[in-house]
Amino acid sequence: MKTINHYVDGAEYPGTSGNTQPVLNPSLGKPQAEVALASTEDINHVIASAQNAQKGWARLNPQKRVRIIMKWIALINENMDELATTLSLEHGKTFPDAKGDIQRGLEVLEFALGAPHQLKGEYSSEVGTGIDTYSMRQPLGVVAGITPFNFPAMIPLWKAGPALAAGNAFILKPSERDPSVPVRLAELFVEAGGPAGVLNVVHGGKESVDALLDSDVVQGIGFVGSTPIAQYIYERCAATGKRAQCFGGAKNHAIVLPDADIEATADTLVGAAFGSAGERCMALSVVVPVGQETADNLRDAILKKIPSLNVGHSLDASSDYGPLVTQDAKDRVENYIEQGQSSGAELLADGRTLDMSSASFDGESLAEGFFTGPTFFDHVTPDMSIYTDEIFGPFLSMVRAETLEEAVKLPTEHEYGNGVAIFTSNGGAARDFATAVNVGMVGINVPIPVPIAYHTFGGWKASGFGDLNQHGPDSFRFYTKTKTVTSRWPDEENAGPQFSMPVMD
């Protein structure tokens, strides 16, 4: 069976631990490879490699660095189908969705091409007699990204692109569930002319993460994953003096007003709730219609659309979505269906009834794949676990509200504050909602409000820890430190010792 090794100093690196973990094909429910897991010794090796490479990389002027990134973008585009196929087979998202995963990462690389502008400092002349003051942005040095399974291309590129463009060396610790695409991206960076050791990929679990967190060399950590781990990493980075941007869980709401187009809204909700098997941090998992008539009409419209959804192999062009990533993920979703029933919510569509026993693709049985059908509950209340918890599956809950104020209160008071959407034809109501709701990203008639690359991405409350968000100008602020220089060239007027606090006059 193929072994996916680490990628260190421009070459495959098997590591020293000898430990591996299976990499599954979730559509078939069986292993397709194994991935090497790093020891603390391996992490120290990759950190040393990155530290050595970073100095020369930082000495390149920003234009030369972005020319390499420009070539990297071209190579990723040239290899798009290969990357998307690999991603699809390891994660389980459909091939078009996998291409979208890569494309959204590429857009941040394209934004990073503006590094020469983003890294400009400020200059003030004659702040005092013969005195000038200016600032410069310099790279942190060695930084690391710890990224999740659900976007194995997009989020690593979100982290690595700005970090590399700013002159840092980057260590990527991706999910060990779907590690092939991150390794291939690093190979393409070197193929584009990136120096060996500037972008490294290392696989592993808690031991690897803790070694990165405890290193005196690593100066910054970017993380995306669950809220408990996000908070753990944020607190540990604070204890060791590292910068950290850590993004956690989500429970994204969709508010539907009576004047919304119900059919169009139902279409967008079905895609946003069930697309990628719900394994998106921006998935809309709670819909809040305002008024009983709105709720009844929307409920009927969604129920008419669910039976037409096709769940199948990730490479089957007819599949609307594929499997969950593991059996544990499937079991988790099905456990929440039981919790919803026992708490008194009305189960309208039960994902457990999906029968794949006779399904196949390209001659292979899908009976053991990690498939779950779409699940839809109505009459959910805020005290139920299916409302409070992030389920991360094809799961939609309807919570009914009588007024807009009641609806806005739900996402505002929820533990998570990642994303929210409102569907309405009333511009004033939408504008007021966007201002009032206590959530980091807002969509107005947009079901998944992921900002474009030159705006920042990040949630509030338990969805995000840290002062700066991902991509956009914040990314360059995060991956650089500002140095301020005050200069004066001695002349006869200011010769000799001065004993009082200098005053800029």
Protein backbone atom coordinates (compact mmCIF):
# COMPACT_ATOMS: atom_id res chain seq x y z
CA MET A 1 0.00 0.00 0.00
CA LYS A 2 1.25 3.49 -0.86
CA THR A 3 2.79 5.48 1.99
CA ILE A 4 2.34 9.24 2.03
CA ASN A 5 5.48 10.64 3.63
CA HIS A 6 6.31 14.06 5.02
CA TYR A 7 7.74 16.66 2.63
CA VAL A 8 10.79 18.34 4.15
CA ASP A 9 13.57 20.39 2.59
CA GLY A 10 12.25 19.80 -0.92
CA ALA A 11 12.04 16.00 -0.73
CA GLU A 12 10.03 13.13 0.71
CA TYR A 13 10.97 12.41 4.30
CA PRO A 14 9.78 9.13 5.87
CA GLY A 15 10.37 10.27 9.42
CA THR A 16 11.80 8.34 12.35
CA SER A 17 8.73 7.20 14.29
CA GLY A 18 7.70 4.30 12.08
CA ASN A 19 4.08 5.05 12.96
CA THR A 20 1.44 5.27 10.26
CA GLN A 21 -2.31 5.73 9.94
CA PRO A 22 -4.66 4.50 7.20
CA VAL A 23 -5.91 6.99 4.62
CA LEU A 24 -9.39 5.90 3.63
CA ASN A 25 -11.49 6.11 0.50
CA PRO A 26 -14.75 7.21 2.17
CA SER A 27 -16.86 6.27 -0.84
CA LEU A 28 -15.72 2.65 -0.55
CA GLY A 29 -15.11 2.57 3.19
CA LYS A 30 -11.67 1.01 2.91
CA PRO A 31 -8.00 2.07 3.08
CA GLN A 32 -6.27 3.34 -0.04
CA ALA A 33 -2.93 4.43 1.47
CA GLU A 34 -1.19 5.05 4.75
CA VAL A 35 0.36 8.25 6.04
CA ALA A 36 3.56 8.54 8.07
CA LEU A 37 3.12 10.16 11.48
CA ALA A 38 5.83 12.40 12.88
CA SER A 39 7.64 12.16 16.18
CA THR A 40 8.88 15.15 18.15
CA GLU A 41 12.31 14.44 16.64
CA ASP A 42 10.80 14.76 13.15
CA ILE A 43 9.14 18.06 14.05
CA ASN A 44 12.44 19.43 15.34
CA HIS A 45 14.07 18.34 12.08
CA VAL A 46 11.51 20.15 9.93
CA ILE A 47 11.72 23.27 12.10
CA ALA A 48 15.51 23.34 11.66
CA SER A 49 15.12 22.95 7.89
CA ALA A 50 12.62 25.79 7.75
CA GLN A 51 14.78 28.04 9.91
CA ASN A 52 17.77 27.55 7.63
CA ALA A 53 15.77 28.18 4.47
CA GLN A 54 13.87 31.21 5.75
CA LYS A 55 16.86 33.55 5.91
CA GLY A 56 17.59 33.37 2.19
CA TRP A 57 13.89 33.50 1.29
CA ALA A 58 13.40 36.67 3.34
CA ARG A 59 16.37 38.31 1.60
CA LEU A 60 14.61 38.01 -1.76
CA ASN A 61 12.73 41.17 -2.50
CA PRO A 62 8.94 40.76 -2.45
CA GLN A 63 8.64 41.00 -6.23
CA LYS A 64 10.91 37.99 -6.71
CA ARG A 65 8.96 36.01 -4.13
CA VAL A 66 5.62 36.72 -5.78
CA ARG A 67 7.00 35.76 -9.20
CA ILE A 68 7.61 32.30 -7.76
CA ILE A 69 4.10 32.29 -6.30
CA MET A 70 2.77 33.36 -9.71
CA LYS A 71 4.43 30.31 -11.26
CA TRP A 72 3.05 28.19 -8.41
CA ILE A 73 -0.46 29.37 -9.26
CA ALA A 74 0.08 28.40 -12.89
CA LEU A 75 1.29 24.92 -11.95
CA ILE A 76 -1.67 24.35 -9.60
CA ASN A 77 -4.01 25.31 -12.44
CA GLU A 78 -2.18 22.98 -14.82
CA ASN A 79 -2.58 20.12 -12.34
CA MET A 80 -6.11 21.04 -11.26
CA ASP A 81 -7.83 17.82 -12.36
CA GLU A 82 -5.19 15.59 -10.74
CA LEU A 83 -5.40 17.54 -7.49
CA ALA A 84 -9.20 17.58 -7.47
CA THR A 85 -9.41 13.84 -8.15
CA THR A 86 -7.01 13.05 -5.32
CA LEU A 87 -8.85 15.40 -2.98
CA SER A 88 -12.20 13.88 -3.90
CA LEU A 89 -11.02 10.32 -3.32
CA GLU A 90 -9.53 11.08 0.11
CA HIS A 91 -12.12 13.52 1.45
CA GLY A 92 -15.34 12.36 -0.23
CA LYS A 93 -16.53 15.68 -1.65
CA THR A 94 -17.60 15.64 -5.28
CA PHE A 95 -15.13 16.44 -8.05
CA PRO A 96 -16.66 19.88 -8.85
CA ASP A 97 -16.69 20.71 -5.14
CA ALA A 98 -13.05 19.62 -4.87
CA LYS A 99 -12.12 21.96 -7.72
CA GLY A 100 -13.91 24.74 -5.88
CA ASP A 101 -11.87 23.92 -2.76
CA ILE A 102 -8.66 24.44 -4.75
CA GLN A 103 -9.94 27.51 -6.59
CA ARG A 104 -10.83 29.36 -3.38
CA GLY A 105 -7.28 28.71 -2.19
CA LEU A 106 -5.84 29.97 -5.47
CA GLU A 107 -7.72 33.23 -5.06
CA VAL A 108 -5.81 33.94 -1.85
CA LEU A 109 -2.53 33.13 -3.62
CA GLU A 110 -3.57 35.66 -6.27
CA PHE A 111 -4.20 38.24 -3.56
CA ALA A 112 -0.77 37.45 -2.12
CA LEU A 113 0.77 38.60 -5.40
CA GLY A 114 0.15 42.11 -4.05
CA ALA A 115 2.74 41.54 -1.31
CA PRO A 116 5.03 44.38 -2.50
CA HIS A 117 2.15 46.77 -1.81
CA GLN A 118 0.90 45.07 1.36
CA LEU A 119 4.38 45.13 2.90
CA LYS A 120 5.00 48.83 2.35
CA GLY A 121 5.76 50.80 5.49
CA GLU A 122 5.19 54.47 6.30
CA TYR A 123 7.55 57.45 6.13
CA SER A 124 7.47 60.84 7.81
CA SER A 125 10.20 63.38 7.16
CA GLU A 126 11.20 66.19 9.51
CA VAL A 127 9.32 64.92 12.54
CA GLY A 128 11.94 66.98 14.33
CA THR A 129 14.79 69.10 13.06
CA GLY A 130 16.79 66.83 10.80
CA ILE A 131 14.90 63.76 12.04
CA ASP A 132 12.95 61.27 9.89
CA THR A 133 10.81 58.35 11.03
CA TYR A 134 9.80 55.36 8.97
CA SER A 135 8.43 51.85 9.49
CA MET A 136 9.04 48.53 7.78
CA ARG A 137 7.20 45.22 7.84
CA GLN A 138 9.42 42.20 8.37
CA PRO A 139 8.56 38.48 8.40
CA LEU A 140 8.12 36.67 11.70
CA GLY A 141 10.50 33.91 10.61
CA VAL A 142 9.19 30.34 10.84
CA VAL A 143 5.40 29.96 11.12
CA ALA A 144 3.09 26.97 11.02
CA GLY A 145 -0.42 26.09 9.88
CA ILE A 146 -2.53 23.33 11.43
CA THR A 147 -5.39 22.72 9.02
CA PRO A 148 -8.55 20.56 8.93
CA PHE A 149 -9.69 17.66 6.79
CA ASN A 150 -12.70 19.40 5.24
CA PHE A 151 -10.70 21.81 3.05
CA PRO A 152 -7.35 20.12 2.38
CA ALA A 153 -6.37 22.60 -0.36
CA MET A 154 -8.15 25.87 0.39
CA ILE A 155 -7.19 26.41 4.01
CA PRO A 156 -3.52 25.38 3.63
CA LEU A 157 -3.27 27.88 0.74
CA TRP A 158 -5.07 30.54 2.79
CA LYS A 159 -2.37 30.14 5.43
CA ALA A 160 0.71 29.48 3.33
CA GLY A 161 0.19 32.03 0.55
CA PRO A 162 0.39 35.28 2.56
CA ALA A 163 2.96 33.78 4.97
CA LEU A 164 5.33 32.88 2.13
CA ALA A 165 4.76 36.12 0.25
CA ALA A 166 5.70 38.03 3.40
CA GLY A 167 9.05 36.21 3.59
CA ASN A 168 8.33 33.54 6.19
CA ALA A 169 9.11 29.85 6.01
CA PHE A 170 5.95 27.80 6.47
CA ILE A 171 5.39 24.41 8.12
CA LEU A 172 2.05 22.84 7.24
CA LYS A 173 0.54 20.19 9.52
CA PRO A 174 -2.56 19.13 7.55
CA SER A 175 -5.15 16.59 8.55
CA GLU A 176 -3.84 13.05 8.36
CA ARG A 177 -7.23 11.99 6.95
CA ASP A 178 -6.55 13.52 3.50
CA PRO A 179 -2.84 14.40 3.32
CA SER A 180 -1.96 13.86 -0.36
CA VAL A 181 -3.05 17.23 -1.77
CA PRO A 182 -1.07 19.29 0.77
CA VAL A 183 2.06 17.31 -0.10
CA ARG A 184 1.47 17.78 -3.82
CA LEU A 185 0.98 21.52 -3.34
CA ALA A 186 4.37 21.72 -1.61
CA GLU A 187 5.99 19.77 -4.43
CA LEU A 188 4.53 22.21 -6.95
CA PHE A 189 5.89 25.16 -4.96
CA VAL A 190 9.42 23.77 -5.27
CA GLU A 191 8.79 22.99 -8.94
CA ALA A 192 7.81 26.66 -9.38
CA GLY A 193 11.21 27.75 -8.06
CA GLY A 194 10.51 27.95 -4.35
CA PRO A 195 13.63 27.17 -2.32
CA ALA A 196 13.72 23.79 -0.60
CA GLY A 197 12.79 24.04 3.05
CA VAL A 198 10.65 27.16 2.73
CA LEU A 199 7.40 25.17 2.50
CA ASN A 200 7.34 21.88 4.40
CA VAL A 201 4.53 19.41 5.15
CA VAL A 202 4.54 17.16 8.20
CA HIS A 203 1.84 14.73 9.31
CA GLY A 204 0.87 13.75 12.82
CA GLY A 205 -1.39 14.09 15.82
CA LYS A 206 -1.17 15.77 19.20
CA GLU A 207 2.54 15.04 19.64
CA SER A 208 3.32 16.89 16.42
CA VAL A 209 1.05 19.80 17.29
CA ASP A 210 2.53 20.19 20.77
CA ALA A 211 6.07 20.12 19.39
CA LEU A 212 5.19 23.01 17.07
CA LEU A 213 3.48 24.91 19.89
CA ASP A 214 6.42 24.49 22.26
CA SER A 215 9.17 25.36 19.77
CA ASP A 216 11.15 28.53 20.45
CA VAL A 217 11.71 28.90 16.70
CA VAL A 218 8.08 28.84 15.51
CA GLN A 219 6.73 32.38 15.90
CA GLY A 220 3.13 32.06 14.77
CA ILE A 221 0.41 29.42 14.43
CA GLY A 222 -2.66 29.45 12.22
CA PHE A 223 -5.31 26.86 13.08
CA VAL A 224 -8.74 25.79 11.84
CA GLY A 225 -10.67 22.99 13.53
CA SER A 226 -12.90 22.38 16.52
CA THR A 227 -13.45 25.02 19.20
CA PRO A 228 -11.88 23.05 22.09
CA ILE A 229 -8.66 22.54 20.09
CA ALA A 230 -8.72 26.14 18.84
CA GLN A 231 -8.89 27.40 22.40
CA TYR A 232 -6.19 24.94 23.54
CA ILE A 233 -3.81 26.12 20.81
CA TYR A 234 -4.60 29.78 21.41
CA GLU A 235 -3.92 29.50 25.13
CA ARG A 236 -0.72 27.49 24.64
CA CYS A 237 0.56 29.99 22.08
CA ALA A 238 -0.13 32.81 24.52
CA ALA A 239 1.86 30.97 27.18
CA THR A 240 4.85 30.61 24.85
CA GLY A 241 4.66 34.08 23.32
CA LYS A 242 3.49 33.07 19.86
CA ARG A 243 1.02 34.81 17.63
CA ALA A 244 -2.09 32.75 16.99
CA GLN A 245 -5.19 32.90 14.82
CA CYS A 246 -7.40 29.96 15.74
CA PHE A 247 -10.79 29.27 14.20
CA GLY A 248 -13.22 26.82 15.74
CA GLY A 249 -16.71 25.46 15.31
CA ALA A 250 -19.87 26.97 13.89
CA LYS A 251 -23.64 26.80 13.95
CA ASN A 252 -24.70 28.99 11.06
CA HIS A 253 -28.27 30.28 10.91
CA ALA A 254 -30.43 31.30 7.96
CA ILE A 255 -33.17 33.82 8.79
CA VAL A 256 -36.07 33.74 6.31
CA LEU A 257 -38.51 36.66 6.28
CA PRO A 258 -42.08 36.42 4.94
CA ASP A 259 -41.19 38.46 1.85
CA ALA A 260 -38.45 36.07 0.73
CA ASP A 261 -38.79 34.03 -2.46
CA ILE A 262 -39.59 30.68 -0.84
CA GLU A 263 -38.69 28.45 -3.80
CA ALA A 264 -35.35 30.16 -4.41
CA THR A 265 -34.60 30.17 -0.70
CA ALA A 266 -35.35 26.47 -0.42
CA ASP A 267 -32.95 25.77 -3.29
CA THR A 268 -30.13 27.68 -1.62
CA LEU A 269 -30.81 26.12 1.78
CA VAL A 270 -30.69 22.59 0.40
CA GLY A 271 -27.34 23.30 -1.24
CA ALA A 272 -25.90 25.12 1.76
CA ALA A 273 -27.05 22.52 4.32
CA PHE A 274 -26.32 19.30 2.44
CA GLY A 275 -23.53 20.24 0.02
CA SER A 276 -20.21 18.53 0.77
CA ALA A 277 -22.23 16.29 3.13
CA GLY A 278 -22.49 19.27 5.47
CA GLU A 279 -18.77 19.09 6.24
CA ARG A 280 -18.23 22.83 5.87
CA CYS A 281 -17.63 25.30 8.68
CA MET A 282 -19.91 27.66 6.72
CA ALA A 283 -22.73 25.15 6.17
CA LEU A 284 -26.18 26.51 7.02
CA SER A 285 -27.40 24.01 9.59
CA VAL A 286 -30.24 26.04 11.19
CA VAL A 287 -33.07 27.75 9.33
CA VAL A 288 -35.23 30.27 11.20
CA PRO A 289 -38.39 31.25 9.29
CA VAL A 290 -40.29 34.24 10.68
CA GLY A 291 -44.01 33.54 11.05
CA GLN A 292 -45.90 30.26 10.94
CA GLU A 293 -47.00 30.67 7.31
CA THR A 294 -43.41 31.28 6.21
CA ALA A 295 -42.30 28.21 8.17
CA ASP A 296 -44.98 25.94 6.74
CA ASN A 297 -44.34 27.06 3.15
CA LEU A 298 -40.57 26.73 3.50
CA ARG A 299 -40.89 23.34 5.14
CA ASP A 300 -43.00 22.04 2.26
CA ALA A 301 -40.61 23.46 -0.34
CA ILE A 302 -37.56 21.84 1.29
CA LEU A 303 -39.33 18.50 1.67
CA LYS A 304 -40.15 18.48 -2.04
CA LYS A 305 -36.48 18.94 -2.94
CA ILE A 306 -34.85 16.44 -0.60
CA PRO A 307 -36.00 13.25 -2.42
CA SER A 308 -34.36 14.41 -5.64
CA LEU A 309 -30.90 14.68 -4.05
CA ASN A 310 -28.45 12.08 -5.29
CA VAL A 311 -25.92 10.76 -2.78
CA GLY A 312 -23.12 8.71 -4.31
CA HIS A 313 -19.46 8.18 -5.08
CA SER A 314 -17.43 11.38 -4.96
CA LEU A 315 -16.35 10.99 -8.61
CA ASP A 316 -19.82 10.18 -9.91
CA ALA A 317 -20.90 13.20 -11.96
CA SER A 318 -24.51 12.65 -10.91
CA SER A 319 -23.77 12.92 -7.17
CA ASP A 320 -24.98 16.03 -5.38
CA TYR A 321 -22.82 15.09 -2.44
CA GLY A 322 -20.67 12.16 -1.41
CA PRO A 323 -19.85 10.31 1.80
CA LEU A 324 -18.78 11.62 5.18
CA VAL A 325 -15.06 11.40 5.82
CA THR A 326 -15.05 8.44 8.26
CA GLN A 327 -17.30 5.90 9.92
CA ASP A 328 -16.97 7.88 13.15
CA ALA A 329 -18.36 10.95 11.39
CA LYS A 330 -21.30 8.91 10.08
CA ASP A 331 -21.96 7.47 13.54
CA ARG A 332 -21.85 10.97 15.05
CA VAL A 333 -24.51 12.27 12.65
CA GLU A 334 -26.75 9.29 13.23
CA ASN A 335 -26.38 9.66 17.00
CA TYR A 336 -27.61 13.25 16.71
CA ILE A 337 -30.64 12.04 14.77
CA GLU A 338 -31.48 9.87 17.76
CA GLN A 339 -30.94 12.81 20.10
CA GLY A 340 -33.25 14.99 18.02
CA GLN A 341 -36.01 12.40 18.13
CA SER A 342 -35.67 11.80 21.85
CA SER A 343 -35.78 15.56 22.57
CA GLY A 344 -39.13 15.93 20.81
CA ALA A 345 -38.18 17.56 17.51
CA GLU A 346 -40.18 16.45 14.45
CA LEU A 347 -38.10 14.28 12.12
CA LEU A 348 -39.17 14.98 8.53
CA ALA A 349 -36.28 13.38 6.62
CA ASP A 350 -34.13 10.67 8.19
CA GLY A 351 -30.62 10.28 6.76
CA ARG A 352 -30.34 6.80 8.27
CA THR A 353 -32.83 5.43 5.74
CA LEU A 354 -30.40 5.87 2.84
CA ASP A 355 -29.79 2.41 1.36
CA MET A 356 -26.46 1.97 -0.44
CA SER A 357 -26.37 -1.83 -0.23
CA SER A 358 -26.77 -2.29 -3.99
CA ALA A 359 -25.05 0.93 -5.09
CA SER A 360 -21.83 0.80 -7.07
CA PHE A 361 -19.55 3.02 -9.12
CA ASP A 362 -17.05 1.97 -11.75
CA GLY A 363 -17.57 -1.66 -10.79
CA GLU A 364 -16.96 -1.18 -7.06
CA SER A 365 -19.58 -1.56 -4.34
CA LEU A 366 -20.47 1.46 -2.22
CA ALA A 367 -22.16 -0.62 0.47
CA GLU A 368 -19.37 0.02 3.00
CA GLY A 369 -19.02 3.72 2.22
CA PHE A 370 -19.67 6.34 4.88
CA PHE A 371 -22.90 7.66 3.38
CA THR A 372 -25.71 9.42 5.19
CA GLY A 373 -28.82 10.83 3.55
CA PRO A 374 -30.13 14.35 4.18
CA THR A 375 -31.74 14.86 7.58
CA PHE A 376 -34.36 17.56 8.28
CA PHE A 377 -35.97 18.36 11.64
CA ASP A 378 -38.77 20.84 12.35
CA HIS A 379 -39.93 22.33 15.67
CA VAL A 380 -36.40 22.38 17.05
CA THR A 381 -35.91 24.49 20.17
CA PRO A 382 -32.75 26.24 21.43
CA ASP A 383 -32.34 23.85 24.37
CA MET A 384 -31.87 20.78 22.11
CA SER A 385 -28.42 19.38 21.37
CA ILE A 386 -29.17 19.33 17.64
CA TYR A 387 -29.44 23.12 17.91
CA THR A 388 -26.58 23.88 20.28
CA ASP A 389 -23.93 21.52 18.85
CA GLU A 390 -22.00 21.57 15.61
CA ILE A 391 -22.97 18.28 13.96
CA PHE A 392 -20.88 18.53 10.75
CA GLY A 393 -23.10 16.45 8.53
CA PRO A 394 -26.02 16.74 6.07
CA PHE A 395 -28.35 17.94 8.80
CA LEU A 396 -30.83 20.84 8.80
CA SER A 397 -32.86 22.02 11.80
CA MET A 398 -35.82 24.41 11.62
CA VAL A 399 -36.38 26.74 14.58
CA ARG A 400 -39.56 28.79 14.20
CA ALA A 401 -39.71 32.47 15.22
CA GLU A 402 -42.67 34.83 15.41
CA THR A 403 -40.75 38.09 14.84
CA LEU A 404 -37.52 39.28 13.26
CA GLU A 405 -36.30 40.37 16.70
CA GLU A 406 -36.81 36.84 18.02
CA ALA A 407 -35.01 35.41 14.98
CA VAL A 408 -32.02 37.75 15.32
CA LYS A 409 -31.70 36.83 18.98
CA LEU A 410 -30.96 33.19 18.13
CA PRO A 411 -27.62 33.58 16.27
CA THR A 412 -26.72 36.58 18.43
CA GLU A 413 -26.95 34.56 21.64
CA HIS A 414 -25.59 31.28 20.28
CA GLU A 415 -22.18 30.12 21.52
CA TYR A 416 -20.80 30.22 17.97
CA GLY A 417 -20.63 33.30 15.77
CA ASN A 418 -19.12 32.19 12.49
CA GLY A 419 -21.66 32.91 9.74
CA VAL A 420 -25.31 33.87 9.31
CA ALA A 421 -27.60 34.65 6.38
CA ILE A 422 -30.87 36.48 5.88
CA PHE A 423 -33.29 35.97 3.00
CA THR A 424 -35.56 38.90 2.25
CA SER A 425 -36.54 41.45 -0.40
CA ASN A 426 -36.57 44.23 2.20
CA GLY A 427 -33.34 46.22 1.98
CA GLY A 428 -33.94 48.10 5.21
CA ALA A 429 -34.54 44.93 7.21
CA ALA A 430 -31.42 43.33 5.73
CA ARG A 431 -29.31 46.38 6.50
CA ASP A 432 -30.53 46.53 10.10
CA PHE A 433 -29.96 42.80 10.50
CA ALA A 434 -26.37 42.98 9.22
CA THR A 435 -25.61 45.71 11.76
CA ALA A 436 -27.37 44.15 14.74
CA VAL A 437 -26.48 40.44 14.56
CA ASN A 438 -23.53 39.35 16.72
CA VAL A 439 -21.84 37.14 14.11
CA GLY A 440 -18.62 37.62 12.18
CA MET A 441 -19.77 37.00 8.59
CA VAL A 442 -23.19 37.90 7.18
CA GLY A 443 -24.87 36.89 3.94
CA ILE A 444 -27.82 38.83 2.51
CA ASN A 445 -29.60 36.46 0.13
CA VAL A 446 -26.22 34.67 0.01
CA PRO A 447 -26.37 31.26 1.70
CA ILE A 448 -22.65 30.74 2.42
CA PRO A 449 -21.15 34.20 3.06
CA VAL A 450 -17.48 33.36 2.50
CA PRO A 451 -15.71 36.65 1.72
CA ILE A 452 -13.58 37.00 -1.36
CA ALA A 453 -9.81 36.83 -1.00
CA TYR A 454 -9.19 40.53 -0.44
CA HIS A 455 -11.59 40.70 2.52
CA THR A 456 -10.94 38.88 5.77
CA PHE A 457 -12.54 35.59 6.81
CA GLY A 458 -13.25 34.89 10.46
CA GLY A 459 -15.94 34.26 13.03
CA TRP A 460 -16.72 35.69 16.45
CA LYS A 461 -17.25 34.25 19.93
CA ALA A 462 -16.36 30.54 20.17
CA SER A 463 -15.78 30.43 16.40
CA GLY A 464 -12.59 32.47 16.50
CA PHE A 465 -9.67 33.18 18.84
CA GLY A 466 -7.20 35.92 18.00
CA ASP A 467 -7.17 39.53 16.91
CA LEU A 468 -6.63 39.06 13.17
CA ASN A 469 -8.53 37.00 10.62
CA GLN A 470 -7.55 34.85 7.66
CA HIS A 471 -6.67 36.21 4.21
CA GLY A 472 -7.12 39.79 3.06
CA PRO A 473 -4.95 42.55 4.56
CA ASP A 474 -5.18 40.93 8.01
CA SER A 475 -3.08 38.01 6.80
CA PHE A 476 -0.10 40.25 6.04
CA ARG A 477 -0.50 41.98 9.40
CA PHE A 478 -0.52 38.60 11.12
CA TYR A 479 2.55 37.21 9.36
CA THR A 480 4.72 40.31 9.77
CA LYS A 481 6.01 42.49 12.60
CA THR A 482 6.44 46.25 12.31
CA LYS A 483 9.77 47.89 12.99
CA THR A 484 9.90 51.67 13.40
CA VAL A 485 13.13 53.56 12.68
CA THR A 486 13.89 57.12 13.76
CA SER A 487 16.98 58.56 12.09
CA ARG A 488 19.11 61.67 12.33
CA TRP A 489 22.49 62.26 10.75
CA PRO A 490 24.84 64.12 13.12
CA ASP A 491 25.94 67.64 12.28
CA GLU A 492 27.52 70.54 14.20
CA GLU A 493 24.18 71.66 15.68
CA ASN A 494 23.44 68.40 17.47
CA ALA A 495 26.98 67.29 18.30
CA GLY A 496 27.84 66.35 21.88
CA PRO A 497 26.01 64.45 24.64
CA GLN A 498 22.34 65.07 25.44
CA PHE A 499 20.96 64.23 28.89
CA SER A 500 17.29 65.12 28.67
CA MET A 501 14.43 63.27 26.96
CA PRO A 502 14.58 64.23 23.26
CA VAL A 503 11.65 66.34 22.08
CA MET A 504 10.60 66.43 18.43
CA ASP A 505 10.65 70.19 17.85
